[in-house]
Amino acid sequence: KAGARFDIDKMKWFNQQYMQLKSNESLAVAFQKE
């Protein structure tokens, strides 16, 4: 019921976790485009 606080540091933590789960191949393609 209670409101949920938006914590951007937690969002960054999730992004870091997903970075580890991504294949090296998909990250390499994204990195090359970048």
All heavy atoms as atom14 arrays in JSON, in Angstrom:
{
  "sequence": "KAGARFDIDKMKWFNQQYMQLKSNESLAVAFQKE",
  "atom14_mask": [
    [1, 1, 1, 1, 1, 1, 1, 1, 1, 0, 0, 0, 0, 0],
    [1, 1, 1, 1, 1, 0, 0, 0, 0, 0, 0, 0, 0, 0],
    [1, 1, 1, 1, 0, 0, 0, 0, 0, 0, 0, 0, 0, 0],
    [1, 1, 1, 1, 1, 0, 0, 0, 0, 0, 0, 0, 0, 0],
    [1, 1, 1, 1, 1, 1, 1, 1, 1, 1, 1, 0, 0, 0],
    [1, 1, 1, 1, 1, 1, 1, 1, 1, 1, 1, 0, 0, 0],
    [1, 1, 1, 1, 1, 1, 1, 1, 0, 0, 0, 0, 0, 0],
    [1, 1, 1, 1, 1, 1, 1, 1, 0, 0, 0, 0, 0, 0],
    [1, 1, 1, 1, 1, 1, 1, 1, 0, 0, 0, 0, 0, 0],
    [1, 1, 1, 1, 1, 1, 1, 1, 1, 0, 0, 0, 0, 0],
    [1, 1, 1, 1, 1, 1, 1, 1, 0, 0, 0, 0, 0, 0],
    [1, 1, 1, 1, 1, 1, 1, 1, 1, 0, 0, 0, 0, 0],
    [1, 1, 1, 1, 1, 1, 1, 1, 1, 1, 1, 1, 1, 1],
    [1, 1, 1, 1, 1, 1, 1, 1, 1, 1, 1, 0, 0, 0],
    [1, 1, 1, 1, 1, 1, 1, 1, 0, 0, 0, 0, 0, 0],
    [1, 1, 1, 1, 1, 1, 1, 1, 1, 0, 0, 0, 0, 0],
    [1, 1, 1, 1, 1, 1, 1, 1, 1, 0, 0, 0, 0, 0],
    [1, 1, 1, 1, 1, 1, 1, 1, 1, 1, 1, 1, 0, 0],
    [1, 1, 1, 1, 1, 1, 1, 1, 0, 0, 0, 0, 0, 0],
    [1, 1, 1, 1, 1, 1, 1, 1, 1, 0, 0, 0, 0, 0],
    [1, 1, 1, 1, 1, 1, 1, 1, 0, 0, 0, 0, 0, 0],
    [1, 1, 1, 1, 1, 1, 1, 1, 1, 0, 0, 0, 0, 0],
    [1, 1, 1, 1, 1, 1, 0, 0, 0, 0, 0, 0, 0, 0],
    [1, 1, 1, 1, 1, 1, 1, 1, 0, 0, 0, 0, 0, 0],
    [1, 1, 1, 1, 1, 1, 1, 1, 1, 0, 0, 0, 0, 0],
    [1, 1, 1, 1, 1, 1, 0, 0, 0, 0, 0, 0, 0, 0],
    [1, 1, 1, 1, 1, 1, 1, 1, 0, 0, 0, 0, 0, 0],
    [1, 1, 1, 1, 1, 0, 0, 0, 0, 0, 0, 0, 0, 0],
    [1, 1, 1, 1, 1, 1, 1, 0, 0, 0, 0, 0, 0, 0],
    [1, 1, 1, 1, 1, 0, 0, 0, 0, 0, 0, 0, 0, 0],
    [1, 1, 1, 1, 1, 1, 1, 1, 1, 1, 1, 0, 0, 0],
    [1, 1, 1, 1, 1, 1, 1, 1, 1, 0, 0, 0, 0, 0],
    [1, 1, 1, 1, 1, 1, 1, 1, 1, 0, 0, 0, 0, 0],
    [1, 1, 1, 1, 1, 1, 1, 1, 1, 0, 0, 0, 0, 0]
  ],
  "atom14_positions": [
    [[0.84, -1.21, 0.0], [0.0, 0.0, 0.0], [0.87, 1.25, 0.0], [0.53, 2.27, -0.59], [-0.87, 0.04, 1.27], [-1.99, -0.96, 1.3], [-2.8, -0.75, 2.57], [-3.58, -2.01, 2.9], [-4.24, -1.92, 4.19], [0.0, 0.0, 0.0], [0.0, 0.0, 0.0], [0.0, 0.0, 0.0], [0.0, 0.0, 0.0], [0.0, 0.0, 0.0]],
    [[2.0, 1.18, 0.7], [2.85, 2.37, 0.89], [3.55, 2.75, -0.42], [3.86, 1.89, -1.24], [3.88, 2.1, 1.97], [0.0, 0.0, 0.0], [0.0, 0.0, 0.0], [0.0, 0.0, 0.0], [0.0, 0.0, 0.0], [0.0, 0.0, 0.0], [0.0, 0.0, 0.0], [0.0, 0.0, 0.0], [0.0, 0.0, 0.0], [0.0, 0.0, 0.0]],
    [[3.81, 4.05, -0.57], [4.53, 4.54, -1.75], [5.93, 3.96, -1.82], [6.53, 3.61, -0.8], [0.0, 0.0, 0.0], [0.0, 0.0, 0.0], [0.0, 0.0, 0.0], [0.0, 0.0, 0.0], [0.0, 0.0, 0.0], [0.0, 0.0, 0.0], [0.0, 0.0, 0.0], [0.0, 0.0, 0.0], [0.0, 0.0, 0.0], [0.0, 0.0, 0.0]],
    [[6.46, 3.86, -3.04], [7.79, 3.27, -3.25], [8.76, 4.36, -3.66], [8.53, 5.07, -4.65], [7.7, 2.2, -4.33], [0.0, 0.0, 0.0], [0.0, 0.0, 0.0], [0.0, 0.0, 0.0], [0.0, 0.0, 0.0], [0.0, 0.0, 0.0], [0.0, 0.0, 0.0], [0.0, 0.0, 0.0], [0.0, 0.0, 0.0], [0.0, 0.0, 0.0]],
    [[9.86, 4.49, -2.93], [10.85, 5.53, -3.21], [11.68, 5.16, -4.43], [12.15, 4.03, -4.55], [11.76, 5.72, -1.99], [12.7, 6.9, -2.07], [13.43, 7.08, -0.76], [14.36, 6.01, -0.5], [15.6, 5.95, -0.99], [16.07, 6.89, -1.77], [16.39, 4.93, -0.68], [0.0, 0.0, 0.0], [0.0, 0.0, 0.0], [0.0, 0.0, 0.0]],
    [[11.85, 6.11, -5.34], [12.64, 5.89, -6.56], [14.11, 6.1, -6.22], [14.54, 7.22, -5.93], [12.19, 6.87, -7.65], [12.75, 6.54, -9.0], [12.03, 5.77, -9.9], [14.01, 6.99, -9.38], [12.55, 5.46, -11.15], [14.54, 6.68, -10.62], [13.8, 5.91, -11.5], [0.0, 0.0, 0.0], [0.0, 0.0, 0.0], [0.0, 0.0, 0.0]],
    [[14.87, 5.02, -6.26], [16.29, 5.06, -5.89], [17.13, 4.79, -7.14], [17.28, 3.66, -7.58], [16.55, 3.99, -4.81], [17.99, 3.98, -4.33], [18.83, 4.71, -4.91], [18.29, 3.23, -3.38], [0.0, 0.0, 0.0], [0.0, 0.0, 0.0], [0.0, 0.0, 0.0], [0.0, 0.0, 0.0], [0.0, 0.0, 0.0], [0.0, 0.0, 0.0]],
    [[17.69, 5.84, -7.71], [18.44, 5.7, -8.97], [19.71, 4.87, -8.77], [20.17, 4.18, -9.69], [18.78, 7.08, -9.61], [19.24, 6.92, -11.06], [19.8, 7.83, -8.77], [18.2, 6.33, -12.0], [0.0, 0.0, 0.0], [0.0, 0.0, 0.0], [0.0, 0.0, 0.0], [0.0, 0.0, 0.0], [0.0, 0.0, 0.0], [0.0, 0.0, 0.0]],
    [[20.28, 4.88, -7.56], [21.47, 4.05, -7.31], [21.12, 2.57, -7.4], [21.92, 1.77, -7.89], [22.07, 4.37, -5.93], [22.7, 5.75, -5.89], [23.18, 6.19, -6.96], [22.7, 6.4, -4.84], [0.0, 0.0, 0.0], [0.0, 0.0, 0.0], [0.0, 0.0, 0.0], [0.0, 0.0, 0.0], [0.0, 0.0, 0.0], [0.0, 0.0, 0.0]],
    [[19.93, 2.24, -6.96], [19.47, 0.84, -7.07], [19.25, 0.49, -8.54], [19.55, -0.63, -8.97], [18.16, 0.66, -6.28], [17.72, -0.79, -6.15], [18.65, -1.58, -5.25], [18.18, -3.01, -5.08], [19.07, -3.8, -4.23], [0.0, 0.0, 0.0], [0.0, 0.0, 0.0], [0.0, 0.0, 0.0], [0.0, 0.0, 0.0], [0.0, 0.0, 0.0]],
    [[18.74, 1.44, -9.31], [18.56, 1.21, -10.74], [19.91, 0.95, -11.4], [20.04, 0.05, -12.25], [17.87, 2.44, -11.36], [17.7, 2.4, -12.88], [16.62, 1.12, -13.51], [17.72, 0.16, -14.53], [0.0, 0.0, 0.0], [0.0, 0.0, 0.0], [0.0, 0.0, 0.0], [0.0, 0.0, 0.0], [0.0, 0.0, 0.0], [0.0, 0.0, 0.0]],
    [[20.92, 1.72, -11.02], [22.28, 1.52, -11.58], [22.82, 0.15, -11.18], [23.5, -0.52, -11.97], [23.22, 2.63, -11.1], [22.95, 3.97, -11.78], [23.82, 5.07, -11.2], [23.5, 6.4, -11.87], [24.18, 7.54, -11.22], [0.0, 0.0, 0.0], [0.0, 0.0, 0.0], [0.0, 0.0, 0.0], [0.0, 0.0, 0.0], [0.0, 0.0, 0.0]],
    [[22.51, -0.27, -9.96], [22.95, -1.59, -9.49], [22.31, -2.68, -10.37], [22.99, -3.61, -10.78], [22.55, -1.79, -8.02], [22.91, -3.15, -7.5], [24.12, -3.54, -7.0], [22.06, -4.31, -7.46], [24.08, -4.87, -6.65], [22.82, -5.37, -6.92], [20.74, -4.55, -7.83], [22.3, -6.65, -6.73], [20.22, -5.82, -7.65], [20.98, -6.86, -7.11]],
    [[21.02, -2.54, -10.64], [20.35, -3.51, -11.52], [21.02, -3.52, -12.91], [21.23, -4.58, -13.49], [18.86, -3.17, -11.67], [17.98, -3.81, -10.63], [17.41, -3.05, -9.62], [17.72, -5.17, -10.65], [16.6, -3.64, -8.66], [16.91, -5.77, -9.69], [16.35, -5.0, -8.68], [0.0, 0.0, 0.0], [0.0, 0.0, 0.0], [0.0, 0.0, 0.0]],
    [[21.35, -2.34, -13.41], [21.98, -2.27, -14.73], [23.32, -2.99, -14.74], [23.66, -3.7, -15.69], [22.17, -0.81, -15.16], [21.95, -0.64, -16.65], [20.86, -0.86, -17.15], [23.0, -0.27, -17.36], [0.0, 0.0, 0.0], [0.0, 0.0, 0.0], [0.0, 0.0, 0.0], [0.0, 0.0, 0.0], [0.0, 0.0, 0.0], [0.0, 0.0, 0.0]],
    [[24.06, -2.83, -13.64], [25.36, -3.5, -13.53], [25.19, -5.02, -13.49], [25.95, -5.76, -14.12], [26.08, -3.02, -12.26], [27.49, -3.55, -12.15], [28.17, -3.07, -10.88], [27.56, -3.01, -9.82], [29.44, -2.74, -10.98], [0.0, 0.0, 0.0], [0.0, 0.0, 0.0], [0.0, 0.0, 0.0], [0.0, 0.0, 0.0], [0.0, 0.0, 0.0]],
    [[24.17, -5.48, -12.75], [23.91, -6.92, -12.69], [23.56, -7.47, -14.07], [24.03, -8.55, -14.45], [22.75, -7.22, -11.71], [22.96, -6.77, -10.29], [24.25, -7.3, -9.69], [24.47, -8.51, -9.65], [25.12, -6.41, -9.25], [0.0, 0.0, 0.0], [0.0, 0.0, 0.0], [0.0, 0.0, 0.0], [0.0, 0.0, 0.0], [0.0, 0.0, 0.0]],
    [[22.76, -6.72, -14.8], [22.36, -7.18, -16.14], [23.53, -7.1, -17.12], [23.6, -7.86, -18.08], [21.14, -6.39, -16.65], [19.86, -7.02, -16.16], [19.38, -6.76, -14.88], [19.14, -7.92, -16.95], [18.23, -7.36, -14.4], [17.99, -8.52, -16.49], [17.53, -8.24, -15.21], [16.4, -8.85, -14.74], [0.0, 0.0, 0.0], [0.0, 0.0, 0.0]],
    [[24.45, -6.18, -16.87], [25.67, -6.08, -17.69], [26.43, -7.42, -17.63], [26.93, -7.91, -18.64], [26.55, -4.96, -17.13], [27.74, -4.63, -17.99], [27.35, -3.28, -19.11], [28.86, -3.17, -20.04], [0.0, 0.0, 0.0], [0.0, 0.0, 0.0], [0.0, 0.0, 0.0], [0.0, 0.0, 0.0], [0.0, 0.0, 0.0], [0.0, 0.0, 0.0]],
    [[26.48, -8.02, -16.44], [27.19, -9.3, -16.28], [26.45, -10.44, -16.98], [27.06, -11.41, -17.42], [27.36, -9.67, -14.8], [27.81, -8.56, -13.86], [28.9, -7.67, -14.43], [29.87, -8.17, -14.97], [28.73, -6.37, -14.33], [0.0, 0.0, 0.0], [0.0, 0.0, 0.0], [0.0, 0.0, 0.0], [0.0, 0.0, 0.0], [0.0, 0.0, 0.0]],
    [[25.1, -10.32, -17.03], [24.29, -11.39, -17.62], [24.27, -11.36, -19.15], [23.96, -12.35, -19.79], [22.85, -11.3, -17.08], [22.67, -11.51, -15.58], [21.25, -11.18, -15.17], [23.03, -12.94, -15.17], [0.0, 0.0, 0.0], [0.0, 0.0, 0.0], [0.0, 0.0, 0.0], [0.0, 0.0, 0.0], [0.0, 0.0, 0.0], [0.0, 0.0, 0.0]],
    [[24.57, -10.19, -19.71], [24.54, -10.05, -21.18], [25.68, -10.85, -21.82], [26.76, -10.97, -21.24], [24.69, -8.58, -21.6], [23.59, -7.66, -21.08], [22.33, -7.8, -21.85], [21.26, -6.87, -21.32], [19.94, -7.22, -21.8], [0.0, 0.0, 0.0], [0.0, 0.0, 0.0], [0.0, 0.0, 0.0], [0.0, 0.0, 0.0], [0.0, 0.0, 0.0]],
    [[25.47, -11.34, -23.03], [26.54, -12.05, -23.73], [27.61, -11.05, -24.15], [27.32, -9.88, -24.44], [25.99, -12.76, -24.96], [25.63, -11.81, -25.97], [0.0, 0.0, 0.0], [0.0, 0.0, 0.0], [0.0, 0.0, 0.0], [0.0, 0.0, 0.0], [0.0, 0.0, 0.0], [0.0, 0.0, 0.0], [0.0, 0.0, 0.0], [0.0, 0.0, 0.0]],
    [[28.85, -11.53, -24.18], [29.96, -10.67, -24.62], [29.73, -10.2, -26.05], [30.08, -9.08, -26.42], [31.28, -11.43, -24.52], [31.62, -11.78, -23.09], [31.22, -11.08, -22.16], [32.34, -12.87, -22.9], [0.0, 0.0, 0.0], [0.0, 0.0, 0.0], [0.0, 0.0, 0.0], [0.0, 0.0, 0.0], [0.0, 0.0, 0.0], [0.0, 0.0, 0.0]],
    [[29.11, -11.07, -26.84], [28.86, -10.74, -28.25], [27.92, -9.55, -28.37], [28.19, -8.59, -29.11], [28.25, -11.97, -28.94], [28.01, -11.78, -30.43], [27.31, -12.98, -31.06], [27.0, -13.95, -30.35], [27.08, -12.91, -32.28], [0.0, 0.0, 0.0], [0.0, 0.0, 0.0], [0.0, 0.0, 0.0], [0.0, 0.0, 0.0], [0.0, 0.0, 0.0]],
    [[26.79, -9.58, -27.63], [25.82, -8.48, -27.73], [26.4, -7.17, -27.21], [26.17, -6.09, -27.76], [24.52, -8.82, -26.99], [24.75, -8.9, -25.6], [0.0, 0.0, 0.0], [0.0, 0.0, 0.0], [0.0, 0.0, 0.0], [0.0, 0.0, 0.0], [0.0, 0.0, 0.0], [0.0, 0.0, 0.0], [0.0, 0.0, 0.0], [0.0, 0.0, 0.0]],
    [[27.19, -7.27, -26.14], [27.82, -6.06, -25.59], [28.86, -5.51, -26.54], [29.01, -4.29, -26.69], [28.45, -6.37, -24.22], [27.48, -6.66, -23.08], [28.25, -7.1, -21.84], [26.62, -5.43, -22.75], [0.0, 0.0, 0.0], [0.0, 0.0, 0.0], [0.0, 0.0, 0.0], [0.0, 0.0, 0.0], [0.0, 0.0, 0.0], [0.0, 0.0, 0.0]],
    [[29.6, -6.41, -27.21], [30.63, -5.96, -28.16], [30.0, -5.22, -29.33], [30.5, -4.17, -29.77], [31.42, -7.17, -28.68], [0.0, 0.0, 0.0], [0.0, 0.0, 0.0], [0.0, 0.0, 0.0], [0.0, 0.0, 0.0], [0.0, 0.0, 0.0], [0.0, 0.0, 0.0], [0.0, 0.0, 0.0], [0.0, 0.0, 0.0], [0.0, 0.0, 0.0]],
    [[28.87, -5.71, -29.81], [28.16, -5.04, -30.91], [27.7, -3.65, -30.47], [27.87, -2.66, -31.2], [26.95, -5.91, -31.38], [26.06, -5.11, -32.32], [27.44, -7.18, -32.04], [0.0, 0.0, 0.0], [0.0, 0.0, 0.0], [0.0, 0.0, 0.0], [0.0, 0.0, 0.0], [0.0, 0.0, 0.0], [0.0, 0.0, 0.0], [0.0, 0.0, 0.0]],
    [[27.14, -3.57, -29.25], [26.67, -2.28, -28.73], [27.84, -1.32, -28.51], [27.75, -0.13, -28.81], [25.92, -2.51, -27.41], [0.0, 0.0, 0.0], [0.0, 0.0, 0.0], [0.0, 0.0, 0.0], [0.0, 0.0, 0.0], [0.0, 0.0, 0.0], [0.0, 0.0, 0.0], [0.0, 0.0, 0.0], [0.0, 0.0, 0.0], [0.0, 0.0, 0.0]],
    [[28.95, -1.84, -28.02], [30.15, -1.04, -27.75], [30.72, -0.5, -29.06], [31.09, 0.68, -29.16], [31.16, -1.92, -27.02], [32.42, -1.22, -26.55], [32.44, 0.15, -26.31], [33.58, -1.96, -26.31], [33.61, 0.78, -25.86], [34.74, -1.34, -25.87], [34.76, 0.02, -25.65], [0.0, 0.0, 0.0], [0.0, 0.0, 0.0], [0.0, 0.0, 0.0]],
    [[30.76, -1.34, -30.09], [31.28, -0.91, -31.39], [30.43, 0.21, -31.99], [30.95, 1.16, -32.56], [31.35, -2.11, -32.35], [32.12, -1.8, -33.62], [32.28, -3.04, -34.5], [31.33, -3.79, -34.7], [33.49, -3.26, -35.02], [0.0, 0.0, 0.0], [0.0, 0.0, 0.0], [0.0, 0.0, 0.0], [0.0, 0.0, 0.0], [0.0, 0.0, 0.0]],
    [[29.1, 0.09, -31.82], [28.2, 1.14, -32.32], [28.4, 2.45, -31.57], [28.24, 3.54, -32.11], [26.75, 0.7, -32.15], [26.24, -0.23, -33.23], [24.78, -0.53, -33.0], [24.3, -1.63, -33.93], [22.98, -2.14, -33.52], [0.0, 0.0, 0.0], [0.0, 0.0, 0.0], [0.0, 0.0, 0.0], [0.0, 0.0, 0.0], [0.0, 0.0, 0.0]],
    [[28.77, 2.33, -30.32], [28.9, 3.49, -29.43], [30.12, 4.36, -29.78], [30.09, 5.57, -29.61], [29.04, 2.95, -27.99], [29.21, 3.98, -26.92], [27.91, 4.36, -26.24], [26.87, 3.71, -26.43], [27.95, 5.36, -25.52], [0.0, 0.0, 0.0], [0.0, 0.0, 0.0], [0.0, 0.0, 0.0], [0.0, 0.0, 0.0], [0.0, 0.0, 0.0]]
  ]
}
